[in-house]
């Protein structure tokens, strides 16, 4: 299994989108950068903010595209092409309406499931779906015509931000397995019961049980 060499956090740029549900992927990667002392710098040729550092003993780059969500693949594709990263070496972090706030799930490959950012990343990687995904639950507004406002125009209430913030805090053991390419072990740790002394894990929605 390939190691992870690039972690991407999807979102929309600018103050108006800060703390909105569609930006939880970008916020997660920014939090990783702060946690491990990785400086993210603007890089116009990549249309994003990028940094390099060590996480769990692995040399990794972090990327936050500065395009709008539906053009995220322009940034991801440019970085992957320049550094010769295979899709299997990339992890993309993003919001998932199918899960309640606080639920986090890891998967490899698959379609875009209606997510414009993922659709763009697939296109940017030459129509490859083989990258990995870390999906952070943000819930669903209940009506299709309310989705755009729910994701991009309304900032998350405090209780949701707390749940999502917990989901963003990926444990050291999960990160070590994930970056080493031990995806199944990382899934088992992430989706399973908490270890003694660890924070309570995100719960699976009833619809998935």
N, C-alpha and C. Protein backbone atom coordinates (compact mmCIF):
# COMPACT_ATOMS: atom_id res chain seq x y z
N UNK A 1 0.85 -1.19 0.00
CA UNK A 1 0.00 0.00 0.00
C UNK A 1 0.89 1.24 0.00
N UNK A 2 0.57 2.20 -0.85
CA UNK A 2 1.36 3.42 -0.95
C UNK A 2 1.22 4.27 0.31
N UNK A 3 2.29 4.96 0.66
CA UNK A 3 2.23 5.90 1.77
C UNK A 3 1.52 7.18 1.32
N UNK A 4 1.02 7.95 2.29
CA UNK A 4 0.37 9.23 1.98
C UNK A 4 1.43 10.32 1.97
N UNK A 5 1.52 11.05 0.87
CA UNK A 5 2.52 12.11 0.74
C UNK A 5 1.90 13.49 0.62
N UNK A 6 0.59 13.54 0.38
CA UNK A 6 -0.09 14.84 0.24
C UNK A 6 -1.46 14.76 0.92
N UNK A 7 -1.74 15.71 1.81
CA UNK A 7 -3.05 15.83 2.45
C UNK A 7 -3.66 17.14 2.02
N UNK A 8 -4.87 17.07 1.48
CA UNK A 8 -5.56 18.24 0.92
C UNK A 8 -6.82 18.52 1.73
N UNK A 9 -7.04 19.78 2.07
CA UNK A 9 -8.26 20.18 2.75
C UNK A 9 -9.10 21.08 1.86
N UNK A 10 -10.32 20.64 1.54
CA UNK A 10 -11.16 21.40 0.60
C UNK A 10 -12.00 22.45 1.31
N UNK A 11 -12.23 23.55 0.60
CA UNK A 11 -13.05 24.64 1.11
C UNK A 11 -13.15 25.76 0.10
N UNK A 12 -13.74 26.86 0.50
CA UNK A 12 -13.81 28.07 -0.31
C UNK A 12 -12.96 29.15 0.33
N UNK A 13 -12.26 29.96 -0.46
CA UNK A 13 -11.39 30.99 0.12
C UNK A 13 -12.18 32.24 0.54
N UNK A 14 -11.61 32.97 1.48
CA UNK A 14 -12.19 34.25 1.87
C UNK A 14 -12.93 34.22 3.18
N UNK A 15 -13.04 35.39 3.81
CA UNK A 15 -13.65 35.52 5.12
C UNK A 15 -15.11 35.11 5.13
N UNK A 16 -15.83 35.36 4.04
CA UNK A 16 -17.26 35.08 4.03
C UNK A 16 -17.58 33.59 4.21
N UNK A 17 -16.61 32.73 3.91
CA UNK A 17 -16.84 31.29 4.03
C UNK A 17 -16.24 30.69 5.30
N UNK A 18 -15.58 31.51 6.11
CA UNK A 18 -14.95 30.99 7.32
C UNK A 18 -16.00 30.41 8.27
N UNK A 19 -15.69 29.24 8.80
CA UNK A 19 -16.55 28.52 9.75
C UNK A 19 -17.86 28.02 9.14
N UNK A 20 -17.95 28.00 7.82
CA UNK A 20 -19.11 27.38 7.19
C UNK A 20 -18.85 25.88 7.04
N UNK A 21 -19.91 25.13 6.85
CA UNK A 21 -19.77 23.67 6.81
C UNK A 21 -18.93 23.19 5.63
N UNK A 22 -19.00 23.90 4.51
CA UNK A 22 -18.26 23.48 3.33
C UNK A 22 -16.75 23.65 3.51
N UNK A 23 -16.33 24.31 4.57
CA UNK A 23 -14.91 24.59 4.77
C UNK A 23 -14.25 23.71 5.84
N UNK A 24 -14.94 22.68 6.31
CA UNK A 24 -14.36 21.89 7.39
C UNK A 24 -13.11 21.14 6.95
N UNK A 25 -13.02 20.77 5.67
CA UNK A 25 -11.82 20.09 5.18
C UNK A 25 -10.61 20.99 5.24
N UNK A 26 -10.77 22.23 4.78
CA UNK A 26 -9.68 23.20 4.83
C UNK A 26 -9.29 23.48 6.27
N UNK A 27 -10.27 23.63 7.15
CA UNK A 27 -9.98 23.91 8.56
C UNK A 27 -9.24 22.75 9.21
N UNK A 28 -9.57 21.53 8.83
CA UNK A 28 -8.90 20.36 9.38
C UNK A 28 -7.43 20.35 9.01
N UNK A 29 -7.11 20.65 7.76
CA UNK A 29 -5.71 20.65 7.32
C UNK A 29 -4.96 21.83 7.94
N UNK A 30 -5.63 22.97 8.08
CA UNK A 30 -5.00 24.10 8.76
C UNK A 30 -4.68 23.75 10.21
N UNK A 31 -5.57 23.01 10.85
CA UNK A 31 -5.34 22.58 12.23
C UNK A 31 -4.16 21.60 12.30
N UNK A 32 -4.04 20.71 11.32
CA UNK A 32 -2.89 19.81 11.26
C UNK A 32 -1.59 20.59 11.11
N UNK A 33 -1.62 21.61 10.26
CA UNK A 33 -0.43 22.43 10.05
C UNK A 33 -0.01 23.10 11.35
N UNK A 34 -0.97 23.65 12.08
CA UNK A 34 -0.65 24.31 13.35
C UNK A 34 -0.14 23.30 14.38
N UNK A 35 -0.75 22.14 14.42
CA UNK A 35 -0.39 21.11 15.40
C UNK A 35 1.04 20.62 15.21
N UNK A 36 1.47 20.50 13.95
CA UNK A 36 2.80 19.94 13.67
C UNK A 36 3.80 21.00 13.20
N UNK A 37 3.45 22.27 13.36
CA UNK A 37 4.38 23.34 13.05
C UNK A 37 4.74 23.45 11.58
N UNK A 38 3.77 23.17 10.72
CA UNK A 38 4.00 23.26 9.27
C UNK A 38 3.44 24.58 8.76
N UNK A 39 4.29 25.38 8.15
CA UNK A 39 3.89 26.69 7.63
C UNK A 39 3.27 26.53 6.25
N UNK A 40 2.05 27.04 6.10
CA UNK A 40 1.39 27.03 4.80
C UNK A 40 1.62 28.37 4.13
N UNK A 41 2.18 28.35 2.94
CA UNK A 41 2.50 29.58 2.21
C UNK A 41 1.76 29.61 0.88
N UNK A 42 1.35 30.80 0.47
CA UNK A 42 0.68 30.95 -0.82
C UNK A 42 1.63 30.59 -1.95
N UNK A 43 1.16 29.78 -2.88
CA UNK A 43 1.95 29.37 -4.03
C UNK A 43 1.07 29.53 -5.27
N UNK A 44 1.20 30.68 -5.98
CA UNK A 44 0.31 30.96 -7.11
C UNK A 44 0.31 29.87 -8.19
N UNK A 45 1.46 29.24 -8.44
CA UNK A 45 1.49 28.24 -9.50
C UNK A 45 0.64 27.03 -9.15
N UNK A 46 0.40 26.81 -7.84
CA UNK A 46 -0.44 25.70 -7.41
C UNK A 46 -1.86 26.15 -7.03
N UNK A 47 -2.12 27.45 -7.14
CA UNK A 47 -3.44 27.99 -6.77
C UNK A 47 -3.87 27.56 -5.38
N UNK A 48 -2.91 27.59 -4.46
CA UNK A 48 -3.21 27.15 -3.11
C UNK A 48 -2.15 27.54 -2.12
N UNK A 49 -2.40 27.20 -0.86
CA UNK A 49 -1.43 27.37 0.22
C UNK A 49 -0.87 25.99 0.53
N UNK A 50 0.46 25.89 0.54
CA UNK A 50 1.09 24.59 0.67
C UNK A 50 2.26 24.67 1.64
N UNK A 51 2.48 23.57 2.35
CA UNK A 51 3.60 23.48 3.28
C UNK A 51 4.11 22.06 3.36
N UNK A 52 5.32 21.92 3.86
CA UNK A 52 5.95 20.60 3.98
C UNK A 52 6.48 20.41 5.39
N UNK A 53 6.30 19.24 5.93
CA UNK A 53 6.80 18.97 7.26
C UNK A 53 6.74 17.49 7.59
N UNK A 54 6.97 17.18 8.86
CA UNK A 54 6.99 15.79 9.32
C UNK A 54 5.81 15.54 10.25
N UNK A 55 5.03 14.51 9.94
CA UNK A 55 3.92 14.08 10.77
C UNK A 55 4.08 12.59 11.01
N UNK A 56 4.11 12.19 12.27
CA UNK A 56 4.25 10.77 12.63
C UNK A 56 5.44 10.12 11.93
N UNK A 57 6.52 10.89 11.79
CA UNK A 57 7.74 10.38 11.18
C UNK A 57 7.74 10.34 9.68
N UNK A 58 6.71 10.89 9.06
CA UNK A 58 6.59 10.86 7.59
C UNK A 58 6.71 12.26 7.00
N UNK A 59 7.45 12.35 5.91
CA UNK A 59 7.58 13.60 5.16
C UNK A 59 6.29 13.79 4.36
N UNK A 60 5.57 14.87 4.61
CA UNK A 60 4.26 15.06 3.99
C UNK A 60 4.06 16.53 3.63
N UNK A 61 3.30 16.74 2.57
CA UNK A 61 2.90 18.09 2.20
C UNK A 61 1.42 18.28 2.50
N UNK A 62 1.09 19.48 2.97
CA UNK A 62 -0.30 19.86 3.24
C UNK A 62 -0.70 20.93 2.23
N UNK A 63 -1.91 20.81 1.71
CA UNK A 63 -2.39 21.75 0.69
C UNK A 63 -3.81 22.20 1.00
N UNK A 64 -4.03 23.52 0.93
CA UNK A 64 -5.37 24.09 1.01
C UNK A 64 -5.58 24.88 -0.27
N UNK A 65 -6.33 24.35 -1.24
CA UNK A 65 -6.57 25.08 -2.49
C UNK A 65 -7.20 26.45 -2.22
N UNK A 66 -6.80 27.45 -3.01
CA UNK A 66 -7.38 28.78 -2.88
C UNK A 66 -8.32 29.09 -4.05
N UNK A 67 -8.69 28.08 -4.78
CA UNK A 67 -9.75 28.19 -5.77
C UNK A 67 -11.08 28.06 -5.03
N UNK A 68 -12.19 28.29 -5.72
CA UNK A 68 -13.46 27.92 -5.14
C UNK A 68 -13.61 26.41 -5.19
N UNK A 69 -14.51 25.89 -4.38
CA UNK A 69 -14.65 24.46 -4.19
C UNK A 69 -14.74 23.69 -5.51
N UNK A 70 -15.56 24.18 -6.44
CA UNK A 70 -15.79 23.42 -7.67
C UNK A 70 -14.60 23.44 -8.63
N UNK A 71 -13.51 24.14 -8.26
CA UNK A 71 -12.29 24.16 -9.07
C UNK A 71 -11.10 23.59 -8.30
N UNK A 72 -11.37 22.90 -7.21
CA UNK A 72 -10.31 22.38 -6.35
C UNK A 72 -9.30 21.51 -7.09
N UNK A 73 -9.77 20.80 -8.10
CA UNK A 73 -8.90 19.90 -8.85
C UNK A 73 -7.79 20.61 -9.59
N UNK A 74 -7.99 21.90 -9.91
CA UNK A 74 -6.93 22.65 -10.57
C UNK A 74 -5.70 22.74 -9.68
N UNK A 75 -5.93 22.96 -8.39
CA UNK A 75 -4.84 23.04 -7.43
C UNK A 75 -4.25 21.67 -7.13
N UNK A 76 -5.10 20.70 -6.84
CA UNK A 76 -4.63 19.35 -6.51
C UNK A 76 -3.89 18.74 -7.69
N UNK A 77 -4.44 18.89 -8.88
CA UNK A 77 -3.79 18.34 -10.07
C UNK A 77 -2.44 18.96 -10.33
N UNK A 78 -2.31 20.28 -10.11
CA UNK A 78 -1.04 20.96 -10.34
C UNK A 78 0.03 20.45 -9.39
N UNK A 79 -0.33 20.29 -8.12
CA UNK A 79 0.63 19.79 -7.13
C UNK A 79 1.02 18.34 -7.42
N UNK A 80 0.02 17.52 -7.70
CA UNK A 80 0.29 16.11 -7.99
C UNK A 80 1.19 15.95 -9.21
N UNK A 81 0.95 16.75 -10.23
CA UNK A 81 1.76 16.67 -11.46
C UNK A 81 3.19 17.13 -11.19
N UNK A 82 3.34 18.24 -10.47
CA UNK A 82 4.68 18.81 -10.23
C UNK A 82 5.53 17.87 -9.39
N UNK A 83 4.96 17.32 -8.32
CA UNK A 83 5.73 16.46 -7.41
C UNK A 83 5.62 14.98 -7.76
N UNK A 84 4.88 14.69 -8.81
CA UNK A 84 4.72 13.31 -9.26
C UNK A 84 4.10 12.42 -8.17
N UNK A 85 3.07 12.95 -7.54
CA UNK A 85 2.30 12.16 -6.57
C UNK A 85 1.27 11.34 -7.31
N UNK A 86 1.22 10.05 -7.04
CA UNK A 86 0.16 9.20 -7.58
C UNK A 86 -1.12 9.45 -6.79
N UNK A 87 -2.29 9.24 -7.40
CA UNK A 87 -3.55 9.41 -6.66
C UNK A 87 -3.57 8.62 -5.35
N UNK A 88 -2.96 7.43 -5.35
CA UNK A 88 -2.95 6.59 -4.16
C UNK A 88 -2.13 7.18 -3.01
N UNK A 89 -1.36 8.23 -3.30
CA UNK A 89 -0.53 8.88 -2.28
C UNK A 89 -1.18 10.16 -1.75
N UNK A 90 -2.45 10.37 -2.11
CA UNK A 90 -3.14 11.61 -1.75
C UNK A 90 -4.35 11.31 -0.86
N UNK A 91 -4.50 12.11 0.19
CA UNK A 91 -5.67 12.06 1.07
C UNK A 91 -6.39 13.40 0.96
N UNK A 92 -7.68 13.37 0.68
CA UNK A 92 -8.49 14.59 0.57
C UNK A 92 -9.47 14.62 1.72
N UNK A 93 -9.50 15.74 2.44
CA UNK A 93 -10.38 15.92 3.61
C UNK A 93 -11.49 16.88 3.22
N UNK A 94 -12.75 16.50 3.50
CA UNK A 94 -13.87 17.34 3.07
C UNK A 94 -15.12 17.06 3.88
N UNK A 95 -16.12 17.91 3.70
CA UNK A 95 -17.40 17.81 4.41
C UNK A 95 -18.29 16.75 3.78
N UNK A 96 -19.08 16.09 4.63
CA UNK A 96 -19.98 15.02 4.16
C UNK A 96 -21.35 15.19 4.79
N UNK A 97 -22.36 15.50 3.97
CA UNK A 97 -23.72 15.70 4.48
C UNK A 97 -24.39 14.39 4.87
N UNK A 98 -23.89 13.26 4.40
CA UNK A 98 -24.52 11.98 4.73
C UNK A 98 -24.32 11.59 6.19
N UNK A 99 -23.39 12.26 6.88
CA UNK A 99 -23.09 11.94 8.28
C UNK A 99 -23.48 13.12 9.17
N UNK A 100 -23.88 12.80 10.39
CA UNK A 100 -24.18 13.84 11.36
C UNK A 100 -22.90 14.55 11.81
N UNK A 101 -23.00 15.78 12.29
CA UNK A 101 -21.81 16.49 12.79
C UNK A 101 -21.08 15.67 13.84
N UNK A 102 -19.76 15.56 13.67
CA UNK A 102 -18.95 14.79 14.60
C UNK A 102 -18.59 13.42 14.13
N UNK A 103 -19.28 12.91 13.11
CA UNK A 103 -18.95 11.60 12.54
C UNK A 103 -17.83 11.80 11.52
N UNK A 104 -16.83 10.96 11.56
CA UNK A 104 -15.72 11.03 10.61
C UNK A 104 -15.46 9.63 10.07
N UNK A 105 -15.27 9.54 8.77
CA UNK A 105 -15.07 8.24 8.13
C UNK A 105 -13.97 8.33 7.08
N UNK A 106 -13.20 7.26 6.99
CA UNK A 106 -12.10 7.15 6.03
C UNK A 106 -12.48 6.12 4.97
N UNK A 107 -12.19 6.44 3.72
CA UNK A 107 -12.42 5.47 2.64
C UNK A 107 -11.41 5.69 1.54
N UNK A 108 -11.27 4.69 0.69
CA UNK A 108 -10.39 4.77 -0.47
C UNK A 108 -11.21 4.65 -1.74
N UNK A 109 -10.96 5.54 -2.68
CA UNK A 109 -11.63 5.49 -3.97
C UNK A 109 -13.11 5.80 -3.89
N UNK A 110 -13.80 5.57 -5.01
CA UNK A 110 -15.23 5.82 -5.09
C UNK A 110 -15.55 7.03 -5.94
N UNK A 111 -16.85 7.31 -6.06
CA UNK A 111 -17.30 8.43 -6.88
C UNK A 111 -17.30 9.72 -6.11
N UNK A 112 -17.96 10.75 -6.70
CA UNK A 112 -17.98 12.05 -6.02
C UNK A 112 -19.20 12.22 -5.11
N UNK A 113 -20.21 11.36 -5.25
CA UNK A 113 -21.41 11.41 -4.42
C UNK A 113 -22.03 12.80 -4.39
N UNK A 114 -21.94 13.50 -5.51
CA UNK A 114 -22.56 14.82 -5.61
C UNK A 114 -21.74 15.95 -5.03
N UNK A 115 -20.53 15.68 -4.56
CA UNK A 115 -19.69 16.72 -3.98
C UNK A 115 -18.86 17.39 -5.08
N UNK A 116 -19.09 18.68 -5.30
CA UNK A 116 -18.43 19.37 -6.41
C UNK A 116 -16.92 19.41 -6.27
N UNK A 117 -16.43 19.53 -5.05
CA UNK A 117 -14.99 19.54 -4.86
C UNK A 117 -14.35 18.23 -5.23
N UNK A 118 -14.95 17.13 -4.82
CA UNK A 118 -14.43 15.81 -5.16
C UNK A 118 -14.53 15.54 -6.66
N UNK A 119 -15.62 15.99 -7.25
CA UNK A 119 -15.75 15.85 -8.71
C UNK A 119 -14.60 16.55 -9.42
N UNK A 120 -14.24 17.74 -8.95
CA UNK A 120 -13.15 18.50 -9.55
C UNK A 120 -11.80 17.83 -9.31
N UNK A 121 -11.60 17.27 -8.11
CA UNK A 121 -10.34 16.57 -7.83
C UNK A 121 -10.18 15.36 -8.73
N UNK A 122 -11.25 14.61 -8.93
CA UNK A 122 -11.19 13.46 -9.84
C UNK A 122 -10.75 13.91 -11.22
N UNK A 123 -11.34 14.99 -11.72
CA UNK A 123 -10.96 15.51 -13.04
C UNK A 123 -9.51 15.98 -13.04
N UNK A 124 -9.10 16.66 -11.97
CA UNK A 124 -7.74 17.18 -11.89
C UNK A 124 -6.68 16.11 -11.84
N UNK A 125 -7.06 14.92 -11.39
CA UNK A 125 -6.13 13.79 -11.33
C UNK A 125 -6.30 12.86 -12.52
N UNK A 126 -6.74 13.43 -13.64
CA UNK A 126 -6.86 12.64 -14.86
C UNK A 126 -7.98 11.62 -14.81
N UNK A 127 -9.07 11.98 -14.12
CA UNK A 127 -10.24 11.11 -13.94
C UNK A 127 -9.96 9.88 -13.09
N UNK A 128 -8.91 9.96 -12.29
CA UNK A 128 -8.63 8.87 -11.35
C UNK A 128 -9.43 9.08 -10.07
N UNK A 129 -10.01 7.99 -9.56
CA UNK A 129 -10.76 8.03 -8.30
C UNK A 129 -10.01 7.33 -7.18
N UNK A 130 -8.73 7.06 -7.41
CA UNK A 130 -7.99 6.18 -6.51
C UNK A 130 -7.38 6.88 -5.30
N UNK A 131 -7.67 8.16 -5.09
CA UNK A 131 -7.17 8.83 -3.91
C UNK A 131 -8.02 8.46 -2.69
N UNK A 132 -7.52 8.78 -1.52
CA UNK A 132 -8.20 8.45 -0.27
C UNK A 132 -8.98 9.67 0.22
N UNK A 133 -10.02 9.39 1.01
CA UNK A 133 -10.90 10.47 1.47
C UNK A 133 -11.12 10.37 2.98
N UNK A 134 -11.03 11.50 3.65
CA UNK A 134 -11.42 11.61 5.05
C UNK A 134 -12.64 12.52 5.08
N UNK A 135 -13.80 11.93 5.39
CA UNK A 135 -15.08 12.65 5.30
C UNK A 135 -15.55 13.04 6.69
N UNK A 136 -15.78 14.33 6.86
CA UNK A 136 -16.20 14.87 8.15
C UNK A 136 -17.67 15.25 8.08
N UNK A 137 -18.48 14.64 8.91
CA UNK A 137 -19.92 14.86 8.87
C UNK A 137 -20.31 16.28 9.25
N UNK A 138 -21.26 16.83 8.50
CA UNK A 138 -21.80 18.17 8.80
C UNK A 138 -23.32 18.15 8.85
N UNK A 139 -23.94 16.98 8.65
CA UNK A 139 -25.39 16.89 8.65
C UNK A 139 -26.02 17.40 7.36
N UNK A 140 -27.34 17.30 7.30
CA UNK A 140 -28.09 17.69 6.10
C UNK A 140 -29.23 18.62 6.51
N UNK A 141 -29.53 19.64 5.72
CA UNK A 141 -30.61 20.56 6.11
C UNK A 141 -32.00 19.97 5.99
N UNK A 142 -32.12 18.83 5.30
CA UNK A 142 -33.42 18.18 5.18
C UNK A 142 -34.14 18.44 3.88
N UNK A 143 -33.77 19.51 3.20
CA UNK A 143 -34.38 19.84 1.92
C UNK A 143 -33.30 20.15 0.90
N UNK A 144 -33.45 19.62 -0.30
CA UNK A 144 -32.43 19.80 -1.32
C UNK A 144 -32.20 21.27 -1.66
N UNK A 145 -33.27 22.07 -1.74
CA UNK A 145 -33.11 23.46 -2.13
C UNK A 145 -32.47 24.32 -1.05
N UNK A 146 -32.23 23.74 0.13
CA UNK A 146 -31.58 24.48 1.22
C UNK A 146 -30.10 24.15 1.34
N UNK A 147 -29.60 23.23 0.50
CA UNK A 147 -28.24 22.73 0.65
C UNK A 147 -27.19 23.82 0.47
N UNK A 148 -27.29 24.62 -0.58
CA UNK A 148 -26.26 25.63 -0.87
C UNK A 148 -26.10 26.60 0.29
N UNK A 149 -27.21 27.11 0.79
CA UNK A 149 -27.14 28.05 1.93
C UNK A 149 -26.60 27.35 3.16
N UNK A 150 -27.02 26.13 3.40
CA UNK A 150 -26.60 25.36 4.57
C UNK A 150 -25.08 25.16 4.58
N UNK A 151 -24.51 24.90 3.41
CA UNK A 151 -23.08 24.61 3.32
C UNK A 151 -22.21 25.85 3.27
N UNK A 152 -22.67 26.90 2.60
CA UNK A 152 -21.77 28.00 2.28
C UNK A 152 -22.17 29.36 2.84
N UNK A 153 -23.40 29.51 3.32
CA UNK A 153 -23.85 30.85 3.72
C UNK A 153 -24.10 30.98 5.22
N UNK A 154 -24.18 29.87 5.91
CA UNK A 154 -24.49 29.88 7.34
C UNK A 154 -23.33 29.28 8.12
N UNK A 155 -22.82 30.01 9.09
CA UNK A 155 -21.76 29.48 9.92
C UNK A 155 -22.33 28.47 10.92
N UNK A 156 -21.55 27.45 11.20
CA UNK A 156 -22.02 26.39 12.09
C UNK A 156 -22.29 26.94 13.49
N UNK A 157 -23.40 26.52 14.11
CA UNK A 157 -23.63 26.89 15.51
C UNK A 157 -22.57 26.26 16.41
N UNK A 158 -22.44 26.80 17.62
CA UNK A 158 -21.36 26.41 18.51
C UNK A 158 -21.36 24.92 18.83
N UNK A 159 -22.55 24.34 19.07
CA UNK A 159 -22.57 22.92 19.43
C UNK A 159 -22.06 22.05 18.30
N UNK A 160 -22.40 22.43 17.06
CA UNK A 160 -21.89 21.67 15.91
C UNK A 160 -20.39 21.86 15.76
N UNK A 161 -19.92 23.07 15.98
CA UNK A 161 -18.48 23.33 15.85
C UNK A 161 -17.69 22.49 16.84
N UNK A 162 -18.24 22.30 18.02
CA UNK A 162 -17.56 21.47 19.02
C UNK A 162 -17.46 20.03 18.53
N UNK A 163 -18.57 19.50 18.02
CA UNK A 163 -18.58 18.12 17.53
C UNK A 163 -17.64 17.95 16.34
N UNK A 164 -17.70 18.89 15.41
CA UNK A 164 -16.84 18.81 14.22
C UNK A 164 -15.38 18.99 14.61
N UNK A 165 -15.12 19.87 15.57
CA UNK A 165 -13.75 20.07 16.02
C UNK A 165 -13.15 18.80 16.60
N UNK A 166 -13.96 18.05 17.34
CA UNK A 166 -13.50 16.76 17.86
C UNK A 166 -13.18 15.79 16.72
N UNK A 167 -14.04 15.81 15.72
CA UNK A 167 -13.83 14.91 14.57
C UNK A 167 -12.55 15.24 13.84
N UNK A 168 -12.20 16.53 13.81
CA UNK A 168 -10.99 16.96 13.11
C UNK A 168 -9.71 16.55 13.82
N UNK A 169 -9.80 16.27 15.11
CA UNK A 169 -8.60 15.96 15.89
C UNK A 169 -8.29 14.49 15.76
N UNK A 170 -7.53 14.15 14.74
CA UNK A 170 -7.18 12.76 14.46
C UNK A 170 -6.03 12.34 15.35
N UNK A 171 -6.19 11.22 16.05
CA UNK A 171 -5.19 10.75 16.99
C UNK A 171 -3.87 10.37 16.33
N UNK A 172 -2.81 10.39 17.13
CA UNK A 172 -1.47 10.10 16.61
C UNK A 172 -1.38 8.70 16.01
N UNK A 173 -2.03 7.72 16.63
CA UNK A 173 -1.96 6.34 16.13
C UNK A 173 -2.64 6.22 14.77
N UNK A 174 -3.78 6.91 14.62
CA UNK A 174 -4.47 6.89 13.32
C UNK A 174 -3.62 7.56 12.26
N UNK A 175 -3.04 8.70 12.60
CA UNK A 175 -2.18 9.39 11.63
C UNK A 175 -1.00 8.53 11.22
N UNK A 176 -0.39 7.85 12.18
CA UNK A 176 0.77 7.01 11.87
C UNK A 176 0.39 5.90 10.90
N UNK A 177 -0.73 5.22 11.16
CA UNK A 177 -1.18 4.16 10.26
C UNK A 177 -1.56 4.72 8.89
N UNK A 178 -2.27 5.82 8.91
CA UNK A 178 -2.73 6.43 7.66
C UNK A 178 -1.58 6.83 6.76
N UNK A 179 -0.62 7.54 7.31
CA UNK A 179 0.50 8.02 6.49
C UNK A 179 1.41 6.88 6.04
N UNK A 180 1.44 5.80 6.82
CA UNK A 180 2.26 4.64 6.45
C UNK A 180 1.59 3.79 5.38
N UNK A 181 0.34 4.11 5.06
CA UNK A 181 -0.39 3.33 4.06
C UNK A 181 -1.13 2.16 4.64
N UNK A 182 -1.20 2.08 5.97
CA UNK A 182 -1.96 1.00 6.61
C UNK A 182 -3.42 1.44 6.76
N UNK A 183 -4.10 1.53 5.63
CA UNK A 183 -5.43 2.11 5.61
C UNK A 183 -6.45 1.32 6.41
N UNK A 184 -6.39 -0.01 6.33
CA UNK A 184 -7.35 -0.81 7.07
C UNK A 184 -7.16 -0.64 8.57
N UNK A 185 -5.92 -0.63 9.02
CA UNK A 185 -5.66 -0.43 10.44
C UNK A 185 -6.12 0.97 10.88
N UNK A 186 -5.88 1.97 10.03
CA UNK A 186 -6.33 3.33 10.36
C UNK A 186 -7.85 3.38 10.45
N UNK A 187 -8.54 2.69 9.53
CA UNK A 187 -10.00 2.64 9.57
C UNK A 187 -10.47 1.97 10.86
N UNK A 188 -9.84 0.86 11.23
CA UNK A 188 -10.24 0.15 12.44
C UNK A 188 -10.11 1.04 13.67
N UNK A 189 -9.02 1.79 13.75
CA UNK A 189 -8.81 2.70 14.88
C UNK A 189 -9.81 3.85 14.85
N UNK A 190 -10.01 4.42 13.68
CA UNK A 190 -10.86 5.60 13.55
C UNK A 190 -12.33 5.28 13.75
N UNK A 191 -12.78 4.14 13.22
CA UNK A 191 -14.20 3.79 13.27
C UNK A 191 -14.58 2.97 14.48
N UNK A 192 -13.57 2.47 15.21
CA UNK A 192 -13.84 1.59 16.33
C UNK A 192 -14.01 2.34 17.63
N UNK A 193 -14.20 1.59 18.75
CA UNK A 193 -14.35 2.22 20.07
C UNK A 193 -13.07 2.91 20.50
N UNK A 194 -13.23 3.91 21.34
CA UNK A 194 -12.07 4.67 21.81
C UNK A 194 -11.18 3.81 22.69
N UNK A 195 -9.87 4.10 22.63
CA UNK A 195 -8.94 3.45 23.53
C UNK A 195 -9.05 4.11 24.91
N UNK A 196 -8.67 3.41 25.99
CA UNK A 196 -8.76 3.99 27.33
C UNK A 196 -8.04 5.33 27.41
N UNK A 197 -8.73 6.34 27.94
CA UNK A 197 -8.13 7.65 28.08
C UNK A 197 -8.26 8.53 26.87
N UNK A 198 -8.78 7.99 25.76
CA UNK A 198 -8.92 8.78 24.54
C UNK A 198 -10.25 9.48 24.53
N UNK A 199 -10.36 10.50 23.66
CA UNK A 199 -11.63 11.20 23.52
C UNK A 199 -12.66 10.26 22.91
N UNK A 200 -13.92 10.47 23.23
CA UNK A 200 -14.98 9.62 22.69
C UNK A 200 -15.04 9.75 21.19
N UNK A 201 -15.12 8.65 20.43
CA UNK A 201 -15.12 8.74 18.98
C UNK A 201 -16.44 9.25 18.44
N UNK A 202 -16.38 9.70 17.20
CA UNK A 202 -17.61 10.11 16.53
C UNK A 202 -18.51 8.91 16.34
N UNK A 203 -19.80 9.10 16.55
CA UNK A 203 -20.75 7.99 16.46
C UNK A 203 -21.32 7.85 15.07
N UNK A 204 -21.58 6.62 14.68
CA UNK A 204 -22.21 6.34 13.40
C UNK A 204 -23.68 6.73 13.46
N UNK A 205 -24.17 7.44 12.44
CA UNK A 205 -25.59 7.77 12.43
C UNK A 205 -26.46 6.53 12.42
N UNK A 206 -27.67 6.64 12.96
CA UNK A 206 -28.56 5.48 13.01
C UNK A 206 -28.85 4.92 11.63
N UNK A 207 -28.85 5.79 10.63
CA UNK A 207 -29.14 5.33 9.28
C UNK A 207 -28.07 4.39 8.75
N UNK A 208 -26.85 4.44 9.37
CA UNK A 208 -25.76 3.58 8.92
C UNK A 208 -25.62 2.34 9.78
N UNK A 209 -26.29 2.30 10.91
CA UNK A 209 -26.11 1.17 11.81
C UNK A 209 -26.88 -0.07 11.34
